[in-house]
Amino acid sequence: MGSDGFFVTGTDTECGKTEITLGLMQCLQTLGHSVVGMKPVASGAEQTAEGLRNQDALRLQQQSSIDVDYELVNPYAFAPPIAPHLAAVQAGVEIDPSRIHACFRDLSRRADYVLVEGVGGWRVPLSRRLAVSDLAVTMGLPVILVVGLRLGCINHGLLSVESIEMAGVELAGWVANLMDAEMQEVQANLISLQQRIGAPLLGFIPHLDSPSSESIVAAGLRVPMTG
C-alpha cells in the first residue's frame, strides 16, 4: 500500500502541534482514509516497563487507524524535556536519519496517510548536522505549519514560512492555533498573517481548555485536499 502524508511543524515548542496533528488525522479518518501518526524524535519521556514513552507519541499511536509498534511511531525518545540534540548527547545517542526513514517507509506501506509531527520548531537541531527541517525535505512530504497565536506570532510565523519555502518543500497550508486566551487583537494578528502567507489557512482553532481531536475538527480544521 502506498502512502501520502504531511509533515506537521510549528513556530515553536508548545504551539499545539500534537493537537493539530491529531485533528488532521481525525479529518482524514472521517473521510474514510486509514492514517498513522509518527513522531520521529521526542524529548520528555517517562521510563516504563516497555522502555521510554513520550505522551504525545502515545497519543499519535492511539489515534492511528491500525495497530503499530511504538518504536515505529517514535524511534528516538529521550527522558529530559530539553532540546533533542542536547538530550541525544546526554544519552550518548546519535540520531540516525536512515533509521527514521526506515520507520517512515514501514508505516507508509501500512496506511493511506502518514502524518509526521516534528519536535519543537522547523529549525530545531537534531545533531550537529541534522535538523527537523532536513527530515521533511528528505521524506518529501508537504508541510503544514502550526502558528501558535500569542505575542510574537507574526514574526515567528513569517520566519518559519520563509525558511520552509527556502528549503524547497511545499507549504500545503497553515493552522492558526490560539494559545493565549488573553491575547489582544487576535483577529488583527490573524489577518496580518493571512495577508502575508500565500498558503491556505486550514483553520483557526480557538483556545480550548481540554482539546481533543473531535473538538479541533469541530472548530473548523480541514486537510488541504478537501478544498
Protein backbone atom coordinates (compact mmCIF):
# COMPACT_ATOMS: atom_id res chain seq x y z
CA MET A 1 0.00 0.00 0.00
CA GLY A 2 1.40 3.36 -0.99
CA SER A 3 1.01 6.32 1.31
CA ASP A 4 0.59 10.04 1.19
CA GLY A 5 1.21 12.27 4.15
CA PHE A 6 2.07 15.57 5.72
CA PHE A 7 4.86 16.85 7.92
CA VAL A 8 3.44 18.96 10.75
CA THR A 9 5.79 21.58 12.15
CA GLY A 10 5.30 24.61 14.36
CA THR A 11 6.50 28.10 15.06
CA ASP A 12 7.89 26.93 18.41
CA THR A 13 7.56 24.30 21.06
CA GLU A 14 4.21 24.20 22.88
CA CYS A 15 2.28 25.67 19.95
CA GLY A 16 -0.17 22.79 19.70
CA LYS A 17 1.45 20.59 17.03
CA THR A 18 0.26 17.36 18.60
CA GLU A 19 -3.32 18.57 18.99
CA ILE A 20 -3.44 19.76 15.39
CA THR A 21 -1.82 16.55 14.12
CA LEU A 22 -4.45 14.51 15.96
CA GLY A 23 -7.15 16.73 14.46
CA LEU A 24 -5.76 16.27 10.95
CA MET A 25 -5.70 12.52 11.49
CA GLN A 26 -9.34 12.68 12.58
CA CYS A 27 -10.24 14.69 9.47
CA LEU A 28 -8.67 12.10 7.18
CA GLN A 29 -10.26 9.22 9.08
CA THR A 30 -13.68 10.88 8.76
CA LEU A 31 -13.09 10.97 5.00
CA GLY A 32 -12.57 7.21 5.07
CA HIS A 33 -8.77 7.04 4.95
CA SER A 34 -6.51 4.88 7.09
CA VAL A 35 -3.98 7.07 8.90
CA VAL A 36 -0.98 6.54 11.14
CA GLY A 37 0.90 9.14 13.16
CA MET A 38 4.65 9.38 13.65
CA LYS A 39 6.85 11.46 15.92
CA PRO A 40 10.40 10.57 14.89
CA VAL A 41 12.10 12.33 17.81
CA ALA A 42 10.62 13.20 21.20
CA SER A 43 12.14 14.84 24.25
CA GLY A 44 10.42 14.42 27.58
CA ALA A 45 9.67 10.73 28.02
CA GLU A 46 8.85 8.58 31.02
CA GLN A 47 10.52 5.28 31.81
CA THR A 48 8.05 2.37 31.64
CA ALA A 49 8.36 -1.40 31.69
CA GLU A 50 8.41 -1.27 27.87
CA GLY A 51 11.03 1.50 27.73
CA LEU A 52 10.89 5.27 27.35
CA ARG A 53 7.49 6.54 26.29
CA ASN A 54 6.54 10.07 25.23
CA GLN A 55 2.95 11.15 25.88
CA ASP A 56 2.50 12.94 22.54
CA ALA A 57 3.80 9.93 20.62
CA LEU A 58 1.47 7.63 22.58
CA ARG A 59 -1.49 9.80 21.60
CA LEU A 60 -0.49 9.62 17.93
CA GLN A 61 -0.20 5.84 18.27
CA GLN A 62 -3.65 5.64 19.85
CA GLN A 63 -5.26 7.85 17.17
CA SER A 64 -3.81 5.73 14.36
CA SER A 65 -6.21 3.64 12.31
CA ILE A 66 -4.15 0.47 12.74
CA ASP A 67 -2.05 -1.04 15.49
CA VAL A 68 1.63 -0.20 15.06
CA ASP A 69 4.60 -0.72 17.34
CA TYR A 70 5.61 2.25 19.44
CA GLU A 71 9.18 2.05 18.13
CA LEU A 72 7.91 2.76 14.62
CA VAL A 73 5.91 5.76 15.78
CA ASN A 74 8.74 7.18 17.89
CA PRO A 75 12.15 5.70 17.06
CA TYR A 76 14.00 8.22 19.24
CA ALA A 77 12.68 9.05 22.72
CA PHE A 78 14.69 10.91 25.35
CA ALA A 79 13.86 11.38 29.01
CA PRO A 80 14.78 15.03 29.69
CA PRO A 81 12.41 17.68 28.28
CA ILE A 82 15.21 19.62 26.61
CA ALA A 83 16.33 20.32 23.05
CA PRO A 84 16.60 16.94 21.28
CA HIS A 85 20.21 17.32 20.16
CA LEU A 86 21.23 18.05 23.74
CA ALA A 87 19.14 15.13 25.03
CA ALA A 88 20.79 12.85 22.47
CA VAL A 89 24.25 13.90 23.61
CA GLN A 90 23.32 13.23 27.24
CA ALA A 91 22.05 9.79 26.26
CA GLY A 92 25.14 9.04 24.17
CA VAL A 93 22.98 8.57 21.09
CA GLU A 94 23.47 9.84 17.55
CA ILE A 95 20.13 10.42 15.80
CA ASP A 96 20.38 8.45 12.55
CA PRO A 97 18.09 9.73 9.78
CA SER A 98 18.27 6.38 7.98
CA ARG A 99 16.60 4.70 10.98
CA ILE A 100 13.85 7.35 10.95
CA HIS A 101 13.28 6.91 7.21
CA ALA A 102 13.12 3.12 7.57
CA CYS A 103 10.34 3.51 10.16
CA PHE A 104 8.56 6.03 7.94
CA ARG A 105 8.70 3.69 4.93
CA ASP A 106 7.34 0.85 7.05
CA LEU A 107 4.41 2.99 8.22
CA SER A 108 3.83 4.24 4.67
CA ARG A 109 3.21 0.70 3.48
CA ARG A 110 0.51 0.16 6.09
CA ALA A 111 -1.83 3.14 5.71
CA ASP A 112 -3.19 5.65 3.22
CA TYR A 113 -1.62 8.59 5.07
CA VAL A 114 1.27 9.12 7.46
CA LEU A 115 1.24 12.31 9.50
CA VAL A 116 4.69 13.09 10.83
CA GLU A 117 4.95 15.52 13.73
CA GLY A 118 8.26 17.30 14.19
CA VAL A 119 9.82 18.21 17.52
CA GLY A 120 9.93 21.88 18.54
CA GLY A 121 10.08 24.27 15.59
CA TRP A 122 11.15 23.88 11.97
CA ARG A 123 14.86 24.52 12.51
CA VAL A 124 15.39 22.67 15.79
CA PRO A 125 18.72 20.78 15.63
CA LEU A 126 18.74 17.00 15.97
CA SER A 127 22.54 16.70 15.78
CA ARG A 128 25.46 18.83 14.66
CA ARG A 129 24.48 18.37 11.02
CA LEU A 130 20.82 17.36 11.13
CA ALA A 131 17.72 19.49 11.79
CA VAL A 132 13.98 18.85 11.89
CA SER A 133 13.66 20.57 8.51
CA ASP A 134 16.01 18.00 6.93
CA LEU A 135 13.59 15.21 7.80
CA ALA A 136 10.71 16.90 5.99
CA VAL A 137 12.89 17.57 2.96
CA THR A 138 14.20 14.01 2.67
CA MET A 139 10.77 12.47 3.35
CA GLY A 140 9.41 14.56 0.50
CA LEU A 141 6.29 15.48 2.45
CA PRO A 142 4.27 18.69 2.08
CA VAL A 143 4.43 20.74 5.27
CA ILE A 144 1.62 22.04 7.46
CA LEU A 145 2.71 24.85 9.78
CA VAL A 146 1.04 25.35 13.14
CA VAL A 147 1.24 29.00 14.17
CA GLY A 148 0.74 29.40 17.89
CA LEU A 149 -1.19 32.66 18.26
CA ARG A 150 0.37 34.69 21.06
CA LEU A 151 2.55 37.77 21.30
CA GLY A 152 5.31 37.50 18.69
CA CYS A 153 3.42 35.09 16.44
CA ILE A 154 3.63 37.25 13.31
CA ASN A 155 7.42 37.30 13.34
CA HIS A 156 7.69 33.62 14.25
CA GLY A 157 5.12 32.66 11.63
CA LEU A 158 6.65 34.61 8.78
CA LEU A 159 10.20 33.49 9.58
CA SER A 160 9.03 29.87 9.63
CA VAL A 161 7.23 30.25 6.30
CA GLU A 162 10.31 31.86 4.76
CA SER A 163 12.55 29.02 5.95
CA ILE A 164 10.13 26.33 4.75
CA GLU A 165 9.96 27.93 1.31
CA MET A 166 13.75 28.31 1.14
CA ALA A 167 14.07 24.58 1.85
CA GLY A 168 12.21 23.90 -1.38
CA VAL A 169 9.34 21.94 0.13
CA GLU A 170 5.64 22.56 -0.39
CA LEU A 171 3.83 24.51 2.31
CA ALA A 172 0.44 22.84 1.98
CA GLY A 173 -1.21 25.13 4.50
CA TRP A 174 -1.08 26.57 7.97
CA VAL A 175 -3.21 26.46 11.09
CA ALA A 176 -3.75 29.35 13.48
CA ASN A 177 -3.93 27.92 17.00
CA LEU A 178 -4.87 30.36 19.78
CA MET A 179 -2.54 29.52 22.65
CA ASP A 180 -3.02 32.66 24.76
CA ALA A 181 -6.64 33.09 25.85
CA GLU A 182 -5.83 36.68 26.87
CA MET A 183 -4.15 37.66 23.61
CA GLN A 184 -5.07 41.12 22.38
CA GLU A 185 -6.05 41.87 18.77
CA VAL A 186 -6.39 38.22 17.79
CA GLN A 187 -8.32 38.96 14.59
CA ALA A 188 -5.89 41.67 13.52
CA ASN A 189 -2.94 39.31 14.03
CA LEU A 190 -4.74 36.60 12.08
CA ILE A 191 -5.44 38.95 9.18
CA SER A 192 -1.83 40.15 9.19
CA LEU A 193 -0.64 36.57 8.81
CA GLN A 194 -3.22 35.74 6.13
CA GLN A 195 -2.13 38.76 4.09
CA ARG A 196 1.49 37.60 4.14
CA ILE A 197 1.29 33.81 3.89
CA GLY A 198 0.49 32.52 0.42
CA ALA A 199 -0.51 29.03 1.56
CA PRO A 200 -4.13 28.40 2.59
CA LEU A 201 -5.33 28.81 6.17
CA LEU A 202 -6.60 25.37 7.18
CA GLY A 203 -8.36 26.55 10.30
CA PHE A 204 -8.48 28.97 13.18
CA ILE A 205 -8.62 26.98 16.39
CA PRO A 206 -9.87 28.97 19.41
CA HIS A 207 -8.38 28.47 22.85
CA LEU A 208 -9.64 25.14 24.17
CA ASP A 209 -9.20 24.16 27.81
CA SER A 210 -9.34 20.42 27.07
CA PRO A 211 -8.69 19.98 23.34
CA SER A 212 -9.46 16.69 21.61
CA SER A 213 -9.25 15.61 18.00
CA GLU A 214 -13.04 15.86 17.78
CA SER A 215 -13.24 19.37 19.25
CA ILE A 216 -10.45 20.60 16.98
CA VAL A 217 -12.19 19.23 13.90
CA ALA A 218 -15.45 20.74 15.12
CA ALA A 219 -13.70 24.12 15.37
CA GLY A 220 -13.20 24.06 11.61
CA LEU A 221 -9.90 22.31 10.91
CA ARG A 222 -9.60 20.83 7.43
CA VAL A 223 -6.98 18.96 5.44
CA PRO A 224 -5.57 20.63 2.32
CA MET A 225 -7.14 18.36 -0.27
CA THR A 226 -10.70 19.00 0.94
CA GLY A 227 -10.72 22.48 -0.59
